[in-house]
Structures are given as C-alpha cells and as structure tokens.
Amino acid sequence: MCLKILVVTAMYPRFGKESSGAFVMQQVEQLRTLGHDVETIDFPGHRSKLEYAKAAFVVAHQTRALLRR
C-alpha cells in the first residue's frame, strides 16, 4: 500500500549546512525506498517565528494539492 506523506520540517540539509536535519532526509529517503509518495516542505524556521506562520499556509496549499492527486 502506497501512502502519500507530507513531511514538514525546519531542519533539512541545505548548502553550507549539510548535516542539519540529516536524519529527516534519511527518513524521507527510506520512505521513498519503501514505495511511498513523499513530499517535503522545508522552511527556514531559524530566521523568525513568522516563518512558521508562512509555512502553515504552504502546508495547507500543499495538502490540498496532494489530496487532489
């Protein structure tokens, strides 16, 4: 059974910070290896609390898009 999974994280490897959230990336890769449809939303939560509010809108939009597939 293939699941649609949306991973939302403020910690994901980026250029210059490749080890940040490496465990999250490993989990995403494993889920894909198991055949699941995995989308990720990575937002810069370290910048400010406002980034979390912005991410909430992106999550709502992406969730609707995933449900339509």
PDB file of N, CA and C in Angstrom:
ATOM      1  N   MET A   1       0.849  -1.184   0.000  1.00  0.00           N
ATOM      2  CA  MET A   1       0.000   0.000   0.000  1.00  0.00           C
ATOM      3  C   MET A   1       0.894   1.246   0.000  1.00  0.00           C
ATOM      4  N   CYS A   2       0.705   2.081  -0.976  1.00  0.00           N
ATOM      5  CA  CYS A   2       1.489   3.309  -1.107  1.00  0.00           C
ATOM      6  C   CYS A   2       0.779   4.448  -0.368  1.00  0.00           C
ATOM      7  N   LEU A   3       1.491   5.101   0.512  1.00  0.00           N
ATOM      8  CA  LEU A   3       0.939   6.227   1.263  1.00  0.00           C
ATOM      9  C   LEU A   3       1.419   7.541   0.674  1.00  0.00           C
ATOM     10  N   LYS A   4       0.597   8.574   0.774  1.00  0.00           N
ATOM     11  CA  LYS A   4       1.005   9.930   0.445  1.00  0.00           C
ATOM     12  C   LYS A   4       1.416  10.595   1.751  1.00  0.00           C
ATOM     13  N   ILE A   5       2.661  11.007   1.820  1.00  0.00           N
ATOM     14  CA  ILE A   5       3.207  11.548   3.069  1.00  0.00           C
ATOM     15  C   ILE A   5       3.748  12.941   2.813  1.00  0.00           C
ATOM     16  N   LEU A   6       3.376  13.872   3.675  1.00  0.00           N
ATOM     17  CA  LEU A   6       3.891  15.228   3.616  1.00  0.00           C
ATOM     18  C   LEU A   6       4.753  15.455   4.856  1.00  0.00           C
ATOM     19  N   VAL A   7       6.033  15.728   4.628  1.00  0.00           N
ATOM     20  CA  VAL A   7       6.975  15.970   5.721  1.00  0.00           C
ATOM     21  C   VAL A   7       7.212  17.470   5.798  1.00  0.00           C
ATOM     22  N   VAL A   8       6.943  18.044   6.953  1.00  0.00           N
ATOM     23  CA  VAL A   8       7.150  19.476   7.173  1.00  0.00           C
ATOM     24  C   VAL A   8       8.254  19.614   8.211  1.00  0.00           C
ATOM     25  N   THR A   9       9.300  20.342   7.850  1.00  0.00           N
ATOM     26  CA  THR A   9      10.448  20.430   8.738  1.00  0.00           C
ATOM     27  C   THR A   9      11.158  21.769   8.616  1.00  0.00           C
ATOM     28  N   ALA A  10      11.690  22.217   9.740  1.00  0.00           N
ATOM     29  CA  ALA A  10      12.528  23.412   9.753  1.00  0.00           C
ATOM     30  C   ALA A  10      13.995  23.000   9.781  1.00  0.00           C
ATOM     31  N   MET A  11      14.233  21.702   9.727  1.00  0.00           N
ATOM     32  CA  MET A  11      15.605  21.178   9.737  1.00  0.00           C
ATOM     33  C   MET A  11      15.766  20.216   8.570  1.00  0.00           C
ATOM     34  N   TYR A  12      16.461  20.647   7.557  1.00  0.00           N
ATOM     35  CA  TYR A  12      16.718  19.811   6.390  1.00  0.00           C
ATOM     36  C   TYR A  12      18.050  20.248   5.810  1.00  0.00           C
ATOM     37  N   PRO A  13      18.844  19.327   5.310  1.00  0.00           N
ATOM     38  CA  PRO A  13      20.158  19.708   4.787  1.00  0.00           C
ATOM     39  C   PRO A  13      20.053  20.783   3.702  1.00  0.00           C
ATOM     40  N   ARG A  14      20.893  21.790   3.836  1.00  0.00           N
ATOM     41  CA  ARG A  14      20.976  22.880   2.870  1.00  0.00           C
ATOM     42  C   ARG A  14      22.440  23.105   2.530  1.00  0.00           C
ATOM     43  N   PHE A  15      22.676  23.839   1.465  1.00  0.00           N
ATOM     44  CA  PHE A  15      24.044  24.191   1.102  1.00  0.00           C
ATOM     45  C   PHE A  15      24.690  24.949   2.256  1.00  0.00           C
ATOM     46  N   GLY A  16      25.819  24.473   2.686  1.00  0.00           N
ATOM     47  CA  GLY A  16      26.511  25.097   3.810  1.00  0.00           C
ATOM     48  C   GLY A  16      26.147  24.510   5.158  1.00  0.00           C
ATOM     49  N   LYS A  17      25.008  23.817   5.229  1.00  0.00           N
ATOM     50  CA  LYS A  17      24.575  23.164   6.479  1.00  0.00           C
ATOM     51  C   LYS A  17      24.075  21.756   6.141  1.00  0.00           C
ATOM     52  N   GLU A  18      24.958  20.999   5.527  1.00  0.00           N
ATOM     53  CA  GLU A  18      24.583  19.679   5.027  1.00  0.00           C
ATOM     54  C   GLU A  18      24.181  18.700   6.124  1.00  0.00           C
ATOM     55  N   SER A  19      24.672  18.903   7.347  1.00  0.00           N
ATOM     56  CA  SER A  19      24.344  17.957   8.417  1.00  0.00           C
ATOM     57  C   SER A  19      23.070  18.332   9.176  1.00  0.00           C
ATOM     58  N   SER A  20      22.547  19.520   8.943  1.00  0.00           N
ATOM     59  CA  SER A  20      21.329  19.957   9.632  1.00  0.00           C
ATOM     60  C   SER A  20      20.136  19.124   9.178  1.00  0.00           C
ATOM     61  N   GLY A  21      19.575  18.400  10.103  1.00  0.00           N
ATOM     62  CA  GLY A  21      18.389  17.605   9.780  1.00  0.00           C
ATOM     63  C   GLY A  21      18.672  16.414   8.887  1.00  0.00           C
ATOM     64  N   ALA A  22      19.904  15.927   8.893  1.00  0.00           N
ATOM     65  CA  ALA A  22      20.253  14.783   8.046  1.00  0.00           C
ATOM     66  C   ALA A  22      19.367  13.578   8.357  1.00  0.00           C
ATOM     67  N   PHE A  23      18.981  13.426   9.615  1.00  0.00           N
ATOM     68  CA  PHE A  23      18.117  12.299   9.992  1.00  0.00           C
ATOM     69  C   PHE A  23      16.739  12.407   9.344  1.00  0.00           C
ATOM     70  N   VAL A  24      16.262  13.626   9.127  1.00  0.00           N
ATOM     71  CA  VAL A  24      14.964  13.808   8.469  1.00  0.00           C
ATOM     72  C   VAL A  24      15.087  13.369   7.010  1.00  0.00           C
ATOM     73  N   MET A  25      16.168  13.784   6.356  1.00  0.00           N
ATOM     74  CA  MET A  25      16.396  13.402   4.968  1.00  0.00           C
ATOM     75  C   MET A  25      16.514  11.877   4.844  1.00  0.00           C
ATOM     76  N   GLN A  26      17.176  11.237   5.803  1.00  0.00           N
ATOM     77  CA  GLN A  26      17.301   9.778   5.771  1.00  0.00           C
ATOM     78  C   GLN A  26      15.937   9.108   5.900  1.00  0.00           C
ATOM     79  N   GLN A  27      15.079   9.652   6.760  1.00  0.00           N
ATOM     80  CA  GLN A  27      13.734   9.088   6.912  1.00  0.00           C
ATOM     81  C   GLN A  27      12.932   9.238   5.620  1.00  0.00           C
ATOM     82  N   VAL A  28      13.044  10.400   4.982  1.00  0.00           N
ATOM     83  CA  VAL A  28      12.337  10.634   3.718  1.00  0.00           C
ATOM     84  C   VAL A  28      12.822   9.650   2.659  1.00  0.00           C
ATOM     85  N   GLU A  29      14.127   9.472   2.566  1.00  0.00           N
ATOM     86  CA  GLU A  29      14.681   8.538   1.581  1.00  0.00           C
ATOM     87  C   GLU A  29      14.215   7.114   1.837  1.00  0.00           C
ATOM     88  N   GLN A  30      14.164   6.711   3.102  1.00  0.00           N
ATOM     89  CA  GLN A  30      13.703   5.359   3.436  1.00  0.00           C
ATOM     90  C   GLN A  30      12.241   5.164   3.064  1.00  0.00           C
ATOM     91  N   LEU A  31      11.420   6.158   3.345  1.00  0.00           N
ATOM     92  CA  LEU A  31      10.001   6.058   2.991  1.00  0.00           C
ATOM     93  C   LEU A  31       9.829   5.938   1.479  1.00  0.00           C
ATOM     94  N   ARG A  32      10.621   6.684   0.722  1.00  0.00           N
ATOM     95  CA  ARG A  32      10.555   6.581  -0.742  1.00  0.00           C
ATOM     96  C   ARG A  32      11.015   5.207  -1.208  1.00  0.00           C
ATOM     97  N   THR A  33      12.051   4.688  -0.561  1.00  0.00           N
ATOM     98  CA  THR A  33      12.547   3.348  -0.900  1.00  0.00           C
ATOM     99  C   THR A  33      11.463   2.300  -0.689  1.00  0.00           C
ATOM    100  N   LEU A  34      10.638   2.507   0.308  1.00  0.00           N
ATOM    101  CA  LEU A  34       9.536   1.580   0.589  1.00  0.00           C
ATOM    102  C   LEU A  34       8.364   1.762  -0.374  1.00  0.00           C
ATOM    103  N   GLY A  35       8.472   2.751  -1.273  1.00  0.00           N
ATOM    104  CA  GLY A  35       7.449   2.933  -2.296  1.00  0.00           C
ATOM    105  C   GLY A  35       6.400   3.982  -1.990  1.00  0.00           C
ATOM    106  N   HIS A  36       6.607   4.760  -0.953  1.00  0.00           N
ATOM    107  CA  HIS A  36       5.637   5.790  -0.600  1.00  0.00           C
ATOM    108  C   HIS A  36       5.890   7.080  -1.381  1.00  0.00           C
ATOM    109  N   ASP A  37       4.829   7.834  -1.606  1.00  0.00           N
ATOM    110  CA  ASP A  37       4.906   9.132  -2.284  1.00  0.00           C
ATOM    111  C   ASP A  37       5.163  10.191  -1.211  1.00  0.00           C
ATOM    112  N   VAL A  38       6.382  10.717  -1.160  1.00  0.00           N
ATOM    113  CA  VAL A  38       6.772  11.636  -0.092  1.00  0.00           C
ATOM    114  C   VAL A  38       7.088  13.009  -0.673  1.00  0.00           C
ATOM    115  N   GLU A  39       6.425  14.017  -0.138  1.00  0.00           N
ATOM    116  CA  GLU A  39       6.708  15.414  -0.472  1.00  0.00           C
ATOM    117  C   GLU A  39       7.287  16.060   0.783  1.00  0.00           C
ATOM    118  N   THR A  40       8.203  17.000   0.601  1.00  0.00           N
ATOM    119  CA  THR A  40       8.764  17.696   1.750  1.00  0.00           C
ATOM    120  C   THR A  40       8.550  19.195   1.628  1.00  0.00           C
ATOM    121  N   ILE A  41       8.289  19.808   2.746  1.00  0.00           N
ATOM    122  CA  ILE A  41       8.246  21.259   2.846  1.00  0.00           C
ATOM    123  C   ILE A  41       9.296  21.632   3.870  1.00  0.00           C
ATOM    124  N   ASP A  42      10.294  22.331   3.405  1.00  0.00           N
ATOM    125  CA  ASP A  42      11.396  22.763   4.257  1.00  0.00           C
ATOM    126  C   ASP A  42      11.323  24.278   4.349  1.00  0.00           C
ATOM    127  N   PHE A  43      11.257  24.784   5.551  1.00  0.00           N
ATOM    128  CA  PHE A  43      11.185  26.236   5.717  1.00  0.00           C
ATOM    129  C   PHE A  43      12.249  26.691   6.706  1.00  0.00           C
ATOM    130  N   PRO A  44      12.721  27.921   6.560  1.00  0.00           N
ATOM    131  CA  PRO A  44      13.808  28.419   7.407  1.00  0.00           C
ATOM    132  C   PRO A  44      13.310  28.909   8.766  1.00  0.00           C
ATOM    133  N   GLY A  45      12.968  27.996   9.632  1.00  0.00           N
ATOM    134  CA  GLY A  45      12.431  28.349  10.947  1.00  0.00           C
ATOM    135  C   GLY A  45      13.418  29.075  11.840  1.00  0.00           C
ATOM    136  N   HIS A  46      14.695  28.952  11.534  1.00  0.00           N
ATOM    137  CA  HIS A  46      15.710  29.619  12.349  1.00  0.00           C
ATOM    138  C   HIS A  46      15.697  31.139  12.177  1.00  0.00           C
ATOM    139  N   ARG A  47      15.081  31.614  11.102  1.00  0.00           N
ATOM    140  CA  ARG A  47      15.065  33.064  10.847  1.00  0.00           C
ATOM    141  C   ARG A  47      14.172  33.813  11.828  1.00  0.00           C
ATOM    142  N   SER A  48      12.920  33.352  11.931  1.00  0.00           N
ATOM    143  CA  SER A  48      11.988  34.017  12.847  1.00  0.00           C
ATOM    144  C   SER A  48      10.749  33.156  13.037  1.00  0.00           C
ATOM    145  N   LYS A  49       9.945  33.533  14.002  1.00  0.00           N
ATOM    146  CA  LYS A  49       8.688  32.819  14.245  1.00  0.00           C
ATOM    147  C   LYS A  49       7.704  33.044  13.099  1.00  0.00           C
ATOM    148  N   LEU A  50       7.844  34.140  12.396  1.00  0.00           N
ATOM    149  CA  LEU A  50       6.980  34.427  11.248  1.00  0.00           C
ATOM    150  C   LEU A  50       7.101  33.348  10.179  1.00  0.00           C
ATOM    151  N   GLU A  51       8.265  32.742  10.054  1.00  0.00           N
ATOM    152  CA  GLU A  51       8.467  31.683   9.060  1.00  0.00           C
ATOM    153  C   GLU A  51       7.553  30.489   9.334  1.00  0.00           C
ATOM    154  N   TYR A  52       7.258  30.232  10.603  1.00  0.00           N
ATOM    155  CA  TYR A  52       6.334  29.143  10.947  1.00  0.00           C
ATOM    156  C   TYR A  52       4.916  29.466  10.469  1.00  0.00           C
ATOM    157  N   ALA A  53       4.504  30.713  10.609  1.00  0.00           N
ATOM    158  CA  ALA A  53       3.182  31.127  10.133  1.00  0.00           C
ATOM    159  C   ALA A  53       3.102  31.026   8.612  1.00  0.00           C
ATOM    160  N   LYS A  54       4.143  31.471   7.941  1.00  0.00           N
ATOM    161  CA  LYS A  54       4.177  31.365   6.472  1.00  0.00           C
ATOM    162  C   LYS A  54       4.100  29.900   6.050  1.00  0.00           C
ATOM    163  N   ALA A  55       4.828  29.055   6.763  1.00  0.00           N
ATOM    164  CA  ALA A  55       4.849  27.627   6.423  1.00  0.00           C
ATOM    165  C   ALA A  55       3.465  27.006   6.575  1.00  0.00           C
ATOM    166  N   ALA A  56       2.679  27.489   7.512  1.00  0.00           N
ATOM    167  CA  ALA A  56       1.323  26.947   7.707  1.00  0.00           C
ATOM    168  C   ALA A  56       0.480  27.121   6.448  1.00  0.00           C
ATOM    169  N   PHE A  57       0.616  28.247   5.780  1.00  0.00           N
ATOM    170  CA  PHE A  57      -0.120  28.467   4.540  1.00  0.00           C
ATOM    171  C   PHE A  57       0.372  27.536   3.433  1.00  0.00           C
ATOM    172  N   VAL A  58       1.677  27.344   3.368  1.00  0.00           N
ATOM    173  CA  VAL A  58       2.248  26.437   2.363  1.00  0.00           C
ATOM    174  C   VAL A  58       1.767  25.011   2.624  1.00  0.00           C
ATOM    175  N   VAL A  59       1.724  24.610   3.876  1.00  0.00           N
ATOM    176  CA  VAL A  59       1.259  23.270   4.235  1.00  0.00           C
ATOM    177  C   VAL A  59      -0.196  23.079   3.815  1.00  0.00           C
ATOM    178  N   ALA A  60      -1.038  24.052   4.091  1.00  0.00           N
ATOM    179  CA  ALA A  60      -2.457  23.946   3.707  1.00  0.00           C
ATOM    180  C   ALA A  60      -2.597  23.813   2.191  1.00  0.00           C
ATOM    181  N   HIS A  61      -1.860  24.609   1.458  1.00  0.00           N
ATOM    182  CA  HIS A  61      -1.918  24.568  -0.006  1.00  0.00           C
ATOM    183  C   HIS A  61      -1.415  23.219  -0.530  1.00  0.00           C
ATOM    184  N   GLN A  62      -0.298  22.783  -0.015  1.00  0.00           N
ATOM    185  CA  GLN A  62       0.294  21.519  -0.475  1.00  0.00           C
ATOM    186  C   GLN A  62      -0.585  20.327  -0.107  1.00  0.00           C
ATOM    187  N   THR A  63      -1.209  20.373   1.044  1.00  0.00           N
ATOM    188  CA  THR A  63      -2.098  19.294   1.457  1.00  0.00           C
ATOM    189  C   THR A  63      -3.267  19.157   0.486  1.00  0.00           C
ATOM    190  N   ARG A  64      -3.867  20.294   0.132  1.00  0.00           N
ATOM    191  CA  ARG A  64      -4.960  20.263  -0.844  1.00  0.00           C
ATOM    192  C   ARG A  64      -4.495  19.701  -2.177  1.00  0.00           C
ATOM    193  N   ALA A  65      -3.301  20.085  -2.618  1.00  0.00           N
ATOM    194  CA  ALA A  65      -2.764  19.591  -3.883  1.00  0.00           C
ATOM    195  C   ALA A  65      -2.520  18.083  -3.833  1.00  0.00           C
ATOM    196  N   LEU A  66      -1.995  17.611  -2.727  1.00  0.00           N
ATOM    197  CA  LEU A  66      -1.744  16.166  -2.593  1.00  0.00           C
ATOM    198  C   LEU A  66      -3.035  15.363  -2.578  1.00  0.00           C
ATOM    199  N   LEU A  67      -4.068  15.907  -1.968  1.00  0.00           N
ATOM    200  CA  LEU A  67      -5.347  15.191  -1.889  1.00  0.00           C
ATOM    201  C   LEU A  67      -6.022  15.096  -3.254  1.00  0.00           C
ATOM    202  N   ARG A  68      -5.722  16.036  -4.141  1.00  0.00           N
ATOM    203  CA  ARG A  68      -6.317  16.015  -5.481  1.00  0.00           C
ATOM    204  C   ARG A  68      -5.667  14.995  -6.399  1.00  0.00           C
ATOM    205  N   ARG A  69      -4.480  14.520  -6.074  1.00  0.00           N
ATOM    206  CA  ARG A  69      -3.783  13.560  -6.947  1.00  0.00           C
ATOM    207  C   ARG A  69      -4.438  12.223  -6.945  1.00  0.00           C
TER     208      ARG A  69
END
